N, C-alpha and C. Protein backbone atom coordinates (compact mmCIF):
# COMPACT_ATOMS: atom_id res chain seq x y z
N MET A 1 61.79 9.18 180.84
CA MET A 1 63.19 8.90 181.10
C MET A 1 63.80 10.10 181.83
N SER A 2 64.48 9.81 182.92
CA SER A 2 65.09 10.90 183.68
C SER A 2 66.31 11.44 182.94
N PHE A 3 66.70 12.65 183.30
CA PHE A 3 67.86 13.27 182.66
C PHE A 3 69.13 12.48 182.97
N GLU A 4 69.24 11.93 184.16
CA GLU A 4 70.42 11.14 184.52
C GLU A 4 70.50 9.87 183.67
N GLU A 5 69.37 9.28 183.34
CA GLU A 5 69.37 8.11 182.46
C GLU A 5 69.80 8.52 181.05
N LYS A 6 69.33 9.67 180.59
CA LYS A 6 69.77 10.18 179.27
C LYS A 6 71.28 10.35 179.25
N ARG A 7 71.82 10.89 180.35
CA ARG A 7 73.28 11.08 180.43
C ARG A 7 74.00 9.74 180.36
N SER A 8 73.44 8.71 180.95
CA SER A 8 74.05 7.38 180.89
C SER A 8 74.03 6.82 179.47
N TRP A 9 72.93 7.04 178.76
CA TRP A 9 72.85 6.60 177.37
C TRP A 9 73.89 7.33 176.51
N ILE A 10 74.04 8.61 176.73
CA ILE A 10 75.04 9.40 175.99
C ILE A 10 76.43 8.86 176.28
N TYR A 11 76.72 8.63 177.55
CA TYR A 11 78.03 8.13 177.97
C TYR A 11 78.32 6.77 177.34
N ALA A 12 77.32 5.90 177.31
CA ALA A 12 77.49 4.57 176.71
C ALA A 12 77.73 4.67 175.21
N ALA A 13 76.98 5.52 174.53
CA ALA A 13 77.15 5.65 173.08
C ALA A 13 78.54 6.17 172.74
N ILE A 14 79.00 7.15 173.47
CA ILE A 14 80.32 7.71 173.21
C ILE A 14 81.41 6.70 173.56
N ALA A 15 81.18 5.91 174.61
CA ALA A 15 82.16 4.89 175.01
C ALA A 15 82.25 3.76 174.00
N VAL A 16 81.32 3.67 173.08
CA VAL A 16 81.38 2.66 172.02
C VAL A 16 81.91 3.28 170.71
N VAL A 17 81.37 4.42 170.34
CA VAL A 17 81.66 5.01 169.03
C VAL A 17 83.10 5.51 168.92
N VAL A 18 83.56 6.29 169.88
CA VAL A 18 84.90 6.89 169.78
C VAL A 18 85.99 5.82 169.78
N PRO A 19 85.96 4.83 170.69
CA PRO A 19 86.99 3.79 170.61
C PRO A 19 86.92 2.96 169.32
N ALA A 20 85.71 2.79 168.79
CA ALA A 20 85.58 2.06 167.52
C ALA A 20 86.27 2.82 166.39
N VAL A 21 86.11 4.13 166.37
CA VAL A 21 86.78 4.94 165.34
C VAL A 21 88.29 4.88 165.54
N TYR A 22 88.74 5.01 166.80
CA TYR A 22 90.17 4.91 167.09
C TYR A 22 90.71 3.55 166.63
N ALA A 23 90.01 2.47 166.93
CA ALA A 23 90.45 1.13 166.53
C ALA A 23 90.53 1.01 165.01
N ALA A 24 89.54 1.55 164.31
CA ALA A 24 89.56 1.49 162.84
C ALA A 24 90.77 2.24 162.27
N VAL A 25 91.03 3.42 162.82
CA VAL A 25 92.19 4.20 162.36
C VAL A 25 93.48 3.44 162.63
N MET A 26 93.60 2.88 163.82
CA MET A 26 94.83 2.19 164.19
C MET A 26 95.02 0.90 163.41
N LEU A 27 93.94 0.18 163.16
CA LEU A 27 94.06 -1.05 162.37
C LEU A 27 94.49 -0.75 160.94
N SER A 28 94.01 0.36 160.38
CA SER A 28 94.45 0.72 159.03
C SER A 28 95.92 1.12 159.03
N ARG A 29 96.38 1.76 160.09
CA ARG A 29 97.81 2.12 160.19
C ARG A 29 98.68 0.90 160.43
N LEU A 30 98.17 -0.05 161.19
CA LEU A 30 98.94 -1.26 161.46
C LEU A 30 99.11 -2.12 160.22
N ALA A 31 98.23 -1.97 159.25
CA ALA A 31 98.36 -2.72 158.01
C ALA A 31 99.58 -2.27 157.23
N ASP A 32 100.02 -1.02 157.43
CA ASP A 32 101.13 -0.46 156.68
C ASP A 32 102.46 -0.51 157.41
N THR A 33 102.44 -0.66 158.73
CA THR A 33 103.68 -0.59 159.52
C THR A 33 103.58 -1.49 160.75
N SER A 34 104.67 -1.64 161.44
CA SER A 34 104.66 -2.47 162.65
C SER A 34 104.16 -1.66 163.85
N ALA A 35 103.83 -2.37 164.91
CA ALA A 35 103.31 -1.71 166.11
C ALA A 35 104.35 -0.78 166.74
N ALA A 36 105.61 -1.14 166.61
CA ALA A 36 106.67 -0.32 167.19
C ALA A 36 106.83 1.02 166.47
N ASP A 37 106.42 1.07 165.20
CA ASP A 37 106.61 2.27 164.40
C ASP A 37 105.33 3.06 164.13
N VAL A 38 104.19 2.54 164.56
CA VAL A 38 102.93 3.20 164.25
C VAL A 38 102.80 4.51 165.05
N ALA A 39 102.30 5.53 164.36
CA ALA A 39 102.07 6.83 165.02
C ALA A 39 100.69 6.77 165.69
N TYR A 40 100.70 6.59 166.99
CA TYR A 40 99.44 6.40 167.73
C TYR A 40 99.14 7.53 168.70
N ILE A 41 100.10 8.35 169.04
CA ILE A 41 99.91 9.33 170.10
C ILE A 41 98.87 10.37 169.74
N ARG A 42 98.98 10.96 168.57
CA ARG A 42 98.01 11.99 168.17
C ARG A 42 96.59 11.42 168.05
N PRO A 43 96.39 10.26 167.39
CA PRO A 43 95.03 9.72 167.36
C PRO A 43 94.48 9.35 168.73
N LEU A 44 95.35 8.88 169.63
CA LEU A 44 94.90 8.53 170.97
C LEU A 44 94.47 9.77 171.74
N ILE A 45 95.28 10.81 171.69
CA ILE A 45 94.90 12.06 172.36
C ILE A 45 93.65 12.65 171.72
N THR A 46 93.55 12.56 170.40
CA THR A 46 92.36 13.06 169.70
C THR A 46 91.11 12.30 170.15
N ALA A 47 91.24 10.99 170.29
CA ALA A 47 90.09 10.18 170.73
C ALA A 47 89.66 10.56 172.15
N ILE A 48 90.62 10.78 173.02
CA ILE A 48 90.30 11.14 174.41
C ILE A 48 89.62 12.50 174.46
N VAL A 49 90.19 13.47 173.76
CA VAL A 49 89.61 14.82 173.76
C VAL A 49 88.25 14.82 173.07
N ALA A 50 88.14 14.09 171.95
CA ALA A 50 86.87 14.02 171.23
C ALA A 50 85.78 13.43 172.11
N ALA A 51 86.10 12.40 172.88
CA ALA A 51 85.10 11.79 173.76
C ALA A 51 84.63 12.79 174.82
N MET A 52 85.57 13.54 175.37
CA MET A 52 85.18 14.53 176.38
C MET A 52 84.32 15.64 175.78
N VAL A 53 84.73 16.15 174.63
CA VAL A 53 83.98 17.24 173.99
C VAL A 53 82.60 16.75 173.56
N LEU A 54 82.54 15.56 172.95
CA LEU A 54 81.25 15.01 172.53
C LEU A 54 80.32 14.80 173.72
N ASN A 55 80.87 14.32 174.81
CA ASN A 55 80.06 14.11 176.01
C ASN A 55 79.49 15.43 176.52
N ILE A 56 80.32 16.45 176.59
CA ILE A 56 79.86 17.76 177.05
C ILE A 56 78.80 18.32 176.12
N LEU A 57 79.06 18.28 174.81
CA LEU A 57 78.10 18.83 173.85
C LEU A 57 76.79 18.06 173.85
N ALA A 58 76.87 16.74 173.90
CA ALA A 58 75.65 15.93 173.90
C ALA A 58 74.83 16.17 175.16
N ASN A 59 75.48 16.36 176.29
CA ASN A 59 74.75 16.66 177.52
C ASN A 59 74.11 18.04 177.47
N ILE A 60 74.79 18.99 176.84
CA ILE A 60 74.20 20.32 176.67
C ILE A 60 72.96 20.24 175.79
N VAL A 61 73.07 19.51 174.68
CA VAL A 61 71.92 19.37 173.77
C VAL A 61 70.78 18.64 174.47
N ALA A 62 71.10 17.58 175.20
CA ALA A 62 70.05 16.86 175.93
C ALA A 62 69.40 17.76 176.97
N GLY A 63 70.18 18.61 177.60
CA GLY A 63 69.63 19.56 178.57
C GLY A 63 68.73 20.59 177.92
N MET A 64 69.10 21.00 176.70
CA MET A 64 68.28 21.99 175.99
C MET A 64 66.91 21.44 175.63
N PHE A 65 66.84 20.13 175.36
CA PHE A 65 65.57 19.53 174.95
C PHE A 65 64.84 18.85 176.10
N SER A 66 65.31 19.07 177.31
CA SER A 66 64.65 18.53 178.51
C SER A 66 64.01 19.68 179.27
N ARG A 67 63.01 19.33 180.05
CA ARG A 67 62.40 20.35 180.89
C ARG A 67 63.39 20.76 181.96
N ARG A 68 63.36 22.02 182.34
CA ARG A 68 64.31 22.56 183.31
C ARG A 68 64.24 21.82 184.64
N GLU A 69 63.05 21.49 185.08
CA GLU A 69 62.92 20.81 186.36
C GLU A 69 63.47 19.38 186.29
N ASP A 70 63.47 18.76 185.12
CA ASP A 70 64.04 17.42 184.97
C ASP A 70 65.56 17.46 185.04
N VAL A 71 66.16 18.50 184.48
CA VAL A 71 67.62 18.63 184.47
C VAL A 71 68.15 18.81 185.88
N ASP A 72 67.49 19.63 186.66
CA ASP A 72 67.95 19.94 188.01
C ASP A 72 67.57 18.87 189.04
N LYS A 73 66.63 18.00 188.69
CA LYS A 73 66.09 17.04 189.63
C LYS A 73 67.02 15.81 189.73
N LYS A 74 67.50 15.56 190.93
CA LYS A 74 68.32 14.39 191.19
C LYS A 74 67.96 13.90 192.59
N ASP A 75 67.33 12.73 192.65
CA ASP A 75 66.88 12.23 193.95
C ASP A 75 67.83 11.16 194.49
N GLU A 76 67.44 10.56 195.58
CA GLU A 76 68.27 9.54 196.24
C GLU A 76 68.50 8.34 195.33
N ARG A 77 67.49 7.98 194.56
CA ARG A 77 67.63 6.85 193.63
C ARG A 77 68.70 7.14 192.60
N ASP A 78 68.71 8.36 192.05
CA ASP A 78 69.73 8.74 191.07
C ASP A 78 71.13 8.67 191.68
N ARG A 79 71.26 9.14 192.89
CA ARG A 79 72.56 9.12 193.57
C ARG A 79 73.03 7.68 193.80
N GLU A 80 72.12 6.80 194.20
CA GLU A 80 72.48 5.40 194.44
C GLU A 80 72.83 4.69 193.13
N ILE A 81 72.09 4.97 192.08
CA ILE A 81 72.40 4.38 190.79
C ILE A 81 73.77 4.86 190.31
N HIS A 82 74.04 6.13 190.48
CA HIS A 82 75.34 6.68 190.08
C HIS A 82 76.46 6.01 190.88
N ARG A 83 76.26 5.85 192.17
CA ARG A 83 77.27 5.22 193.02
C ARG A 83 77.55 3.79 192.59
N ARG A 84 76.49 3.04 192.33
CA ARG A 84 76.67 1.65 191.89
C ARG A 84 77.31 1.57 190.51
N GLY A 85 76.93 2.46 189.63
CA GLY A 85 77.54 2.48 188.30
C GLY A 85 79.03 2.77 188.36
N GLU A 86 79.41 3.71 189.20
CA GLU A 86 80.83 4.02 189.36
C GLU A 86 81.57 2.86 190.02
N TRP A 87 80.91 2.15 190.91
CA TRP A 87 81.49 0.97 191.53
C TRP A 87 81.78 -0.10 190.48
N VAL A 88 80.82 -0.32 189.59
CA VAL A 88 81.02 -1.30 188.50
C VAL A 88 82.16 -0.83 187.60
N GLY A 89 82.17 0.43 187.24
CA GLY A 89 83.24 0.96 186.40
C GLY A 89 84.61 0.80 187.04
N PHE A 90 84.70 1.02 188.34
CA PHE A 90 85.96 0.85 189.06
C PHE A 90 86.45 -0.59 188.96
N HIS A 91 85.55 -1.53 189.15
CA HIS A 91 85.96 -2.93 189.11
C HIS A 91 86.32 -3.39 187.70
N VAL A 92 85.60 -2.90 186.71
CA VAL A 92 85.95 -3.22 185.33
C VAL A 92 87.34 -2.65 185.01
N MET A 93 87.61 -1.42 185.44
CA MET A 93 88.91 -0.81 185.21
C MET A 93 90.01 -1.58 185.95
N SER A 94 89.73 -2.02 187.14
CA SER A 94 90.72 -2.77 187.92
C SER A 94 91.12 -4.06 187.20
N ILE A 95 90.15 -4.74 186.65
CA ILE A 95 90.44 -5.97 185.90
C ILE A 95 91.07 -5.63 184.55
N GLY A 96 90.55 -4.60 183.88
CA GLY A 96 91.07 -4.20 182.57
C GLY A 96 92.50 -3.70 182.62
N ALA A 97 92.92 -3.16 183.76
CA ALA A 97 94.28 -2.65 183.89
C ALA A 97 95.31 -3.76 183.93
N LEU A 98 94.87 -4.99 184.09
CA LEU A 98 95.81 -6.10 184.09
C LEU A 98 96.46 -6.29 182.71
N ALA A 99 95.72 -6.05 181.65
CA ALA A 99 96.27 -6.24 180.30
C ALA A 99 97.45 -5.31 180.03
N PRO A 100 97.33 -3.98 180.23
CA PRO A 100 98.51 -3.15 180.01
C PRO A 100 99.64 -3.45 180.98
N LEU A 101 99.30 -3.88 182.18
CA LEU A 101 100.34 -4.25 183.15
C LEU A 101 101.15 -5.44 182.64
N VAL A 102 100.45 -6.45 182.16
CA VAL A 102 101.14 -7.62 181.62
C VAL A 102 101.93 -7.24 180.37
N LEU A 103 101.37 -6.40 179.52
CA LEU A 103 102.09 -5.96 178.33
C LEU A 103 103.36 -5.19 178.69
N ALA A 104 103.28 -4.37 179.72
CA ALA A 104 104.46 -3.63 180.16
C ALA A 104 105.51 -4.58 180.72
N MET A 105 105.08 -5.60 181.46
CA MET A 105 106.02 -6.56 182.03
C MET A 105 106.71 -7.39 180.96
N THR A 106 106.00 -7.64 179.87
CA THR A 106 106.59 -8.41 178.78
C THR A 106 107.31 -7.52 177.77
N GLU A 107 107.40 -6.23 178.09
CA GLU A 107 108.09 -5.25 177.26
C GLU A 107 107.53 -5.20 175.84
N ALA A 108 106.21 -5.17 175.76
CA ALA A 108 105.53 -5.03 174.47
C ALA A 108 105.74 -3.61 173.95
N ALA A 109 105.40 -3.38 172.71
CA ALA A 109 105.52 -2.05 172.11
C ALA A 109 104.61 -1.08 172.86
N TYR A 110 105.07 0.17 172.96
CA TYR A 110 104.29 1.19 173.66
C TYR A 110 102.89 1.33 173.09
N PHE A 111 102.75 1.15 171.80
CA PHE A 111 101.43 1.24 171.16
C PHE A 111 100.44 0.29 171.83
N TRP A 112 100.84 -0.96 172.05
CA TRP A 112 99.94 -1.95 172.63
C TRP A 112 99.61 -1.62 174.07
N ILE A 113 100.60 -1.14 174.81
CA ILE A 113 100.36 -0.78 176.21
C ILE A 113 99.38 0.38 176.31
N ALA A 114 99.65 1.45 175.54
CA ALA A 114 98.79 2.64 175.58
C ALA A 114 97.38 2.32 175.09
N SER A 115 97.29 1.57 174.01
CA SER A 115 95.97 1.24 173.46
C SER A 115 95.17 0.35 174.40
N SER A 116 95.83 -0.62 175.01
CA SER A 116 95.10 -1.50 175.93
C SER A 116 94.64 -0.73 177.17
N LEU A 117 95.44 0.22 177.63
CA LEU A 117 95.01 1.05 178.76
C LEU A 117 93.82 1.92 178.37
N TYR A 118 93.87 2.49 177.16
CA TYR A 118 92.76 3.30 176.67
C TYR A 118 91.48 2.46 176.57
N PHE A 119 91.60 1.26 176.02
CA PHE A 119 90.42 0.42 175.89
C PHE A 119 89.91 -0.06 177.25
N ALA A 120 90.80 -0.21 178.22
CA ALA A 120 90.36 -0.55 179.58
C ALA A 120 89.52 0.58 180.16
N PHE A 121 89.97 1.83 179.94
CA PHE A 121 89.17 2.98 180.38
C PHE A 121 87.82 3.01 179.67
N CYS A 122 87.82 2.72 178.38
CA CYS A 122 86.56 2.73 177.62
C CYS A 122 85.62 1.64 178.10
N LEU A 123 86.16 0.46 178.38
CA LEU A 123 85.32 -0.63 178.91
C LEU A 123 84.77 -0.27 180.28
N ALA A 124 85.56 0.41 181.09
CA ALA A 124 85.08 0.84 182.41
C ALA A 124 83.94 1.84 182.25
N ALA A 125 84.10 2.78 181.33
CA ALA A 125 83.03 3.76 181.08
C ALA A 125 81.77 3.07 180.58
N LEU A 126 81.94 2.12 179.67
CA LEU A 126 80.79 1.39 179.14
C LEU A 126 80.13 0.54 180.22
N GLY A 127 80.93 -0.13 181.02
CA GLY A 127 80.37 -0.94 182.11
C GLY A 127 79.60 -0.09 183.10
N SER A 128 80.15 1.06 183.42
CA SER A 128 79.47 1.98 184.34
C SER A 128 78.14 2.44 183.75
N ALA A 129 78.16 2.87 182.50
CA ALA A 129 76.95 3.38 181.86
C ALA A 129 75.89 2.28 181.72
N VAL A 130 76.31 1.10 181.32
CA VAL A 130 75.35 0.00 181.13
C VAL A 130 74.74 -0.40 182.47
N SER A 131 75.53 -0.45 183.53
CA SER A 131 74.97 -0.81 184.82
C SER A 131 73.97 0.25 185.29
N LYS A 132 74.23 1.52 184.99
CA LYS A 132 73.28 2.58 185.35
C LYS A 132 71.99 2.43 184.55
N ILE A 133 72.13 2.16 183.26
CA ILE A 133 70.94 2.00 182.41
C ILE A 133 70.10 0.82 182.89
N VAL A 134 70.76 -0.28 183.20
CA VAL A 134 70.03 -1.46 183.71
C VAL A 134 69.33 -1.12 185.02
N ALA A 135 70.00 -0.40 185.88
CA ALA A 135 69.38 -0.02 187.17
C ALA A 135 68.18 0.88 186.93
N TYR A 136 68.28 1.79 185.98
CA TYR A 136 67.13 2.67 185.70
C TYR A 136 65.98 1.87 185.08
N ARG A 137 66.29 0.92 184.24
CA ARG A 137 65.25 0.15 183.54
C ARG A 137 64.63 -0.95 184.40
N ARG A 138 65.46 -1.65 185.15
CA ARG A 138 64.98 -2.81 185.89
C ARG A 138 64.97 -2.62 187.39
N GLY A 139 65.59 -1.57 187.88
CA GLY A 139 65.70 -1.39 189.32
C GLY A 139 66.91 -2.13 189.85
N PHE A 140 67.06 -2.12 191.16
CA PHE A 140 68.23 -2.75 191.77
C PHE A 140 68.01 -4.23 191.91
């Protein structure tokens, strides 16, 4: 497995785990209060920062357990897979951004708008990572 594929697996795992934890925390808070009154800003920022830090740390650990030449090696295939993965992520985000847009137009609570935008970003990250993994496993 190439180092770039390992990075895609890490990205996919984090794009699933961190939003799932955020959703669990928010659902427990929503059980006690309404969406208009729920304190969501700190958990949302924490989830975003945690995902970035976890991604950096996991990539460092993966790099430590990989051969040096594998970490530095990135060929044309890796670049093309990365480009296609980012293309998929862009399109997923473009479609996913419709939900917060509609929520904003209907004047929904800020919690729903912010959370739906966050989940759209997470779906874009997951779509990008999964498309890269599929390309590495099955080819184009």
